[in-house]
N, C-alpha and C. Protein backbone atom coordinates (compact mmCIF):
# COMPACT_ATOMS: atom_id res chain seq x y z
N MET A 1 -2.24 1.56 19.72
CA MET A 1 -2.14 0.21 20.25
C MET A 1 -3.32 -0.03 21.20
N ILE A 2 -3.95 -1.16 21.04
CA ILE A 2 -5.07 -1.53 21.89
C ILE A 2 -4.54 -2.19 23.16
N GLN A 3 -5.04 -1.73 24.29
CA GLN A 3 -4.64 -2.32 25.57
C GLN A 3 -5.84 -3.06 26.15
N VAL A 4 -5.60 -4.23 26.67
CA VAL A 4 -6.65 -5.05 27.26
C VAL A 4 -6.51 -4.98 28.78
N ASN A 5 -7.62 -4.72 29.44
CA ASN A 5 -7.65 -4.72 30.90
C ASN A 5 -7.73 -6.18 31.34
N LEU A 6 -6.65 -6.70 31.92
CA LEU A 6 -6.59 -8.11 32.28
C LEU A 6 -7.65 -8.48 33.31
N GLY A 7 -7.92 -7.61 34.25
CA GLY A 7 -8.94 -7.89 35.26
C GLY A 7 -10.32 -8.06 34.64
N LYS A 8 -10.66 -7.18 33.71
CA LYS A 8 -11.96 -7.29 33.05
C LYS A 8 -12.00 -8.51 32.13
N ALA A 9 -10.88 -8.82 31.50
CA ALA A 9 -10.82 -10.00 30.64
C ALA A 9 -11.01 -11.28 31.46
N LYS A 10 -10.43 -11.31 32.65
CA LYS A 10 -10.62 -12.47 33.53
C LYS A 10 -12.08 -12.59 33.96
N THR A 11 -12.72 -11.46 34.23
CA THR A 11 -14.14 -11.48 34.59
C THR A 11 -14.96 -12.07 33.46
N LEU A 12 -14.67 -11.68 32.23
CA LEU A 12 -15.38 -12.24 31.08
C LEU A 12 -15.13 -13.74 30.94
N ALA A 13 -13.88 -14.15 31.15
CA ALA A 13 -13.55 -15.58 31.07
C ALA A 13 -14.28 -16.36 32.15
N HIS A 14 -14.38 -15.81 33.35
CA HIS A 14 -15.12 -16.48 34.42
C HIS A 14 -16.60 -16.57 34.08
N ASN A 15 -17.15 -15.53 33.47
CA ASN A 15 -18.56 -15.57 33.08
C ASN A 15 -18.81 -16.68 32.07
N LEU A 16 -17.91 -16.81 31.10
CA LEU A 16 -18.04 -17.89 30.11
C LEU A 16 -17.90 -19.25 30.78
N ARG A 17 -16.94 -19.36 31.69
CA ARG A 17 -16.74 -20.62 32.43
C ARG A 17 -18.00 -20.99 33.20
N ARG A 18 -18.59 -20.03 33.89
CA ARG A 18 -19.81 -20.29 34.67
C ARG A 18 -20.96 -20.70 33.76
N PHE A 19 -21.08 -20.04 32.62
CA PHE A 19 -22.15 -20.37 31.67
C PHE A 19 -22.03 -21.81 31.20
N LYS A 20 -20.82 -22.21 30.84
CA LYS A 20 -20.58 -23.59 30.38
C LYS A 20 -20.83 -24.59 31.51
N ARG A 21 -20.37 -24.25 32.72
CA ARG A 21 -20.57 -25.13 33.87
C ARG A 21 -22.06 -25.31 34.16
N ASP A 22 -22.79 -24.22 34.17
CA ASP A 22 -24.22 -24.28 34.47
C ASP A 22 -24.97 -25.12 33.43
N ALA A 23 -24.58 -24.97 32.16
CA ALA A 23 -25.20 -25.76 31.11
C ALA A 23 -24.90 -27.25 31.29
N ALA A 24 -23.70 -27.56 31.76
CA ALA A 24 -23.33 -28.96 31.97
C ALA A 24 -24.08 -29.57 33.15
N PHE A 25 -24.45 -28.75 34.12
CA PHE A 25 -25.16 -29.26 35.28
C PHE A 25 -26.61 -29.61 34.99
N VAL A 26 -27.23 -29.01 34.01
CA VAL A 26 -28.66 -29.22 33.75
C VAL A 26 -29.01 -30.70 33.59
N PRO A 27 -28.37 -31.45 32.69
CA PRO A 27 -28.75 -32.86 32.56
C PRO A 27 -28.44 -33.67 33.82
N LEU A 28 -27.39 -33.30 34.52
CA LEU A 28 -27.04 -34.02 35.74
C LEU A 28 -28.05 -33.74 36.85
N ASP A 29 -28.55 -32.53 36.89
CA ASP A 29 -29.59 -32.20 37.87
C ASP A 29 -30.85 -33.01 37.62
N ILE A 30 -31.17 -33.22 36.37
CA ILE A 30 -32.34 -34.02 36.02
C ILE A 30 -32.11 -35.47 36.40
N LEU A 31 -30.94 -36.00 36.06
CA LEU A 31 -30.63 -37.39 36.40
C LEU A 31 -30.61 -37.63 37.91
N ALA A 32 -30.25 -36.61 38.66
CA ALA A 32 -30.19 -36.74 40.11
C ALA A 32 -31.56 -36.97 40.73
N THR A 33 -32.61 -36.67 39.98
CA THR A 33 -33.97 -36.88 40.49
C THR A 33 -34.47 -38.30 40.22
N VAL A 34 -33.73 -39.07 39.44
CA VAL A 34 -34.09 -40.46 39.15
C VAL A 34 -33.35 -41.34 40.15
N PRO A 35 -34.09 -42.04 41.03
CA PRO A 35 -33.43 -42.76 42.13
C PRO A 35 -32.27 -43.67 41.72
N HIS A 36 -32.42 -44.48 40.68
CA HIS A 36 -31.35 -45.42 40.34
C HIS A 36 -30.20 -44.75 39.57
N LEU A 37 -30.35 -43.48 39.20
CA LEU A 37 -29.28 -42.76 38.51
C LEU A 37 -28.66 -41.66 39.37
N ALA A 38 -29.21 -41.45 40.55
CA ALA A 38 -28.80 -40.33 41.39
C ALA A 38 -27.34 -40.42 41.84
N VAL A 39 -26.89 -41.61 42.20
CA VAL A 39 -25.51 -41.75 42.68
C VAL A 39 -24.52 -41.43 41.56
N LYS A 40 -24.76 -41.96 40.37
CA LYS A 40 -23.87 -41.68 39.23
C LYS A 40 -23.91 -40.20 38.87
N ALA A 41 -25.09 -39.60 38.92
CA ALA A 41 -25.22 -38.18 38.61
C ALA A 41 -24.41 -37.34 39.60
N GLU A 42 -24.46 -37.71 40.86
CA GLU A 42 -23.71 -36.95 41.87
C GLU A 42 -22.20 -37.14 41.68
N GLU A 43 -21.78 -38.32 41.29
CA GLU A 43 -20.36 -38.54 40.99
C GLU A 43 -19.92 -37.67 39.82
N ASP A 44 -20.75 -37.61 38.78
CA ASP A 44 -20.43 -36.78 37.62
C ASP A 44 -20.42 -35.30 37.98
N ARG A 45 -21.33 -34.90 38.85
CA ARG A 45 -21.35 -33.51 39.30
C ARG A 45 -20.08 -33.17 40.08
N ALA A 46 -19.59 -34.11 40.88
CA ALA A 46 -18.35 -33.89 41.63
C ALA A 46 -17.17 -33.72 40.67
N ILE A 47 -17.13 -34.53 39.63
CA ILE A 47 -16.08 -34.42 38.61
C ILE A 47 -16.15 -33.05 37.94
N LEU A 48 -17.34 -32.64 37.60
CA LEU A 48 -17.54 -31.35 36.96
C LEU A 48 -17.10 -30.21 37.87
N ARG A 49 -17.45 -30.30 39.15
CA ARG A 49 -17.04 -29.26 40.10
C ARG A 49 -15.52 -29.18 40.20
N ALA A 50 -14.85 -30.33 40.27
CA ALA A 50 -13.39 -30.35 40.39
C ALA A 50 -12.74 -29.75 39.15
N SER A 51 -13.24 -30.12 37.99
CA SER A 51 -12.70 -29.59 36.74
C SER A 51 -12.91 -28.07 36.67
N ASP A 52 -14.08 -27.63 37.08
CA ASP A 52 -14.37 -26.21 37.07
C ASP A 52 -13.48 -25.46 38.07
N ASP A 53 -13.25 -26.06 39.22
CA ASP A 53 -12.36 -25.45 40.22
C ASP A 53 -10.95 -25.26 39.65
N ASN A 54 -10.46 -26.29 38.95
CA ASN A 54 -9.12 -26.20 38.34
C ASN A 54 -9.06 -25.10 37.29
N LEU A 55 -10.10 -25.01 36.48
CA LEU A 55 -10.13 -23.99 35.44
C LEU A 55 -10.21 -22.60 36.08
N GLN A 56 -10.98 -22.46 37.13
CA GLN A 56 -11.08 -21.19 37.84
C GLN A 56 -9.71 -20.75 38.36
N LEU A 57 -8.99 -21.68 38.95
CA LEU A 57 -7.64 -21.36 39.45
C LEU A 57 -6.70 -20.99 38.31
N SER A 58 -6.82 -21.68 37.19
CA SER A 58 -5.98 -21.37 36.03
C SER A 58 -6.24 -19.97 35.51
N ILE A 59 -7.51 -19.59 35.46
CA ILE A 59 -7.87 -18.24 35.00
C ILE A 59 -7.26 -17.20 35.94
N GLU A 60 -7.43 -17.42 37.22
CA GLU A 60 -6.92 -16.45 38.19
C GLU A 60 -5.39 -16.37 38.18
N ALA A 61 -4.72 -17.45 37.84
CA ALA A 61 -3.26 -17.48 37.86
C ALA A 61 -2.63 -16.82 36.63
N THR A 62 -3.42 -16.55 35.62
CA THR A 62 -2.84 -15.95 34.42
C THR A 62 -2.32 -14.55 34.73
N ALA A 63 -1.16 -14.27 34.16
CA ALA A 63 -0.53 -12.97 34.40
C ALA A 63 -0.50 -12.11 33.14
N THR A 64 -0.85 -12.72 32.01
CA THR A 64 -0.83 -11.97 30.75
C THR A 64 -2.09 -12.26 29.96
N VAL A 65 -2.38 -11.38 29.04
CA VAL A 65 -3.53 -11.56 28.16
C VAL A 65 -3.32 -12.79 27.29
N ASP A 66 -2.10 -13.02 26.85
CA ASP A 66 -1.82 -14.19 26.01
C ASP A 66 -2.11 -15.49 26.76
N ALA A 67 -1.74 -15.55 28.04
CA ALA A 67 -2.01 -16.74 28.84
C ALA A 67 -3.51 -16.95 29.01
N LEU A 68 -4.23 -15.87 29.22
CA LEU A 68 -5.69 -15.97 29.35
C LEU A 68 -6.32 -16.40 28.03
N THR A 69 -5.83 -15.83 26.95
CA THR A 69 -6.34 -16.19 25.63
C THR A 69 -6.11 -17.67 25.34
N ALA A 70 -5.00 -18.19 25.81
CA ALA A 70 -4.70 -19.61 25.61
C ALA A 70 -5.72 -20.49 26.33
N LEU A 71 -6.31 -20.01 27.41
CA LEU A 71 -7.30 -20.79 28.13
C LEU A 71 -8.68 -20.74 27.48
N LEU A 72 -8.95 -19.73 26.69
CA LEU A 72 -10.29 -19.58 26.13
C LEU A 72 -10.75 -20.76 25.29
N PRO A 73 -9.88 -21.35 24.44
CA PRO A 73 -10.35 -22.55 23.72
C PRO A 73 -10.72 -23.68 24.68
N VAL A 74 -10.02 -23.77 25.79
CA VAL A 74 -10.32 -24.80 26.78
C VAL A 74 -11.72 -24.58 27.33
N ILE A 75 -12.04 -23.34 27.62
CA ILE A 75 -13.36 -23.02 28.13
C ILE A 75 -14.39 -23.24 27.03
N ASP A 76 -14.12 -22.72 25.85
CA ASP A 76 -15.09 -22.76 24.77
C ASP A 76 -15.34 -24.17 24.24
N GLU A 77 -14.33 -25.01 24.26
CA GLU A 77 -14.50 -26.37 23.76
C GLU A 77 -15.21 -27.26 24.75
N GLY A 78 -15.45 -26.74 25.94
CA GLY A 78 -16.21 -27.51 26.91
C GLY A 78 -15.41 -28.58 27.61
N VAL A 79 -14.12 -28.36 27.77
CA VAL A 79 -13.30 -29.33 28.47
C VAL A 79 -13.84 -29.54 29.88
N ILE A 80 -14.47 -28.51 30.44
CA ILE A 80 -15.02 -28.66 31.77
C ILE A 80 -16.32 -29.46 31.75
N LEU A 81 -16.83 -29.73 30.55
CA LEU A 81 -18.05 -30.51 30.46
C LEU A 81 -17.74 -31.99 30.52
N ILE A 82 -18.71 -32.75 30.95
CA ILE A 82 -18.52 -34.20 31.04
C ILE A 82 -18.98 -34.84 29.75
């Protein structure tokens, strides 16, 4: 029987979450340098941060591998992306 280390699995999930979050920030960082788009870009960045915070808490709250696995499509589908 294969056993999964939940702590290491959470670390991998967080790494994927961070990768997706960082990729989502790139266009917003560029828009933030355009004066008339900066306010909207910062609003979108705040939304992204809040969504990422919620996902981070969800990952940490998982108590089983199945619960963590259920979150992976959420991470992979880019729900945290705007």
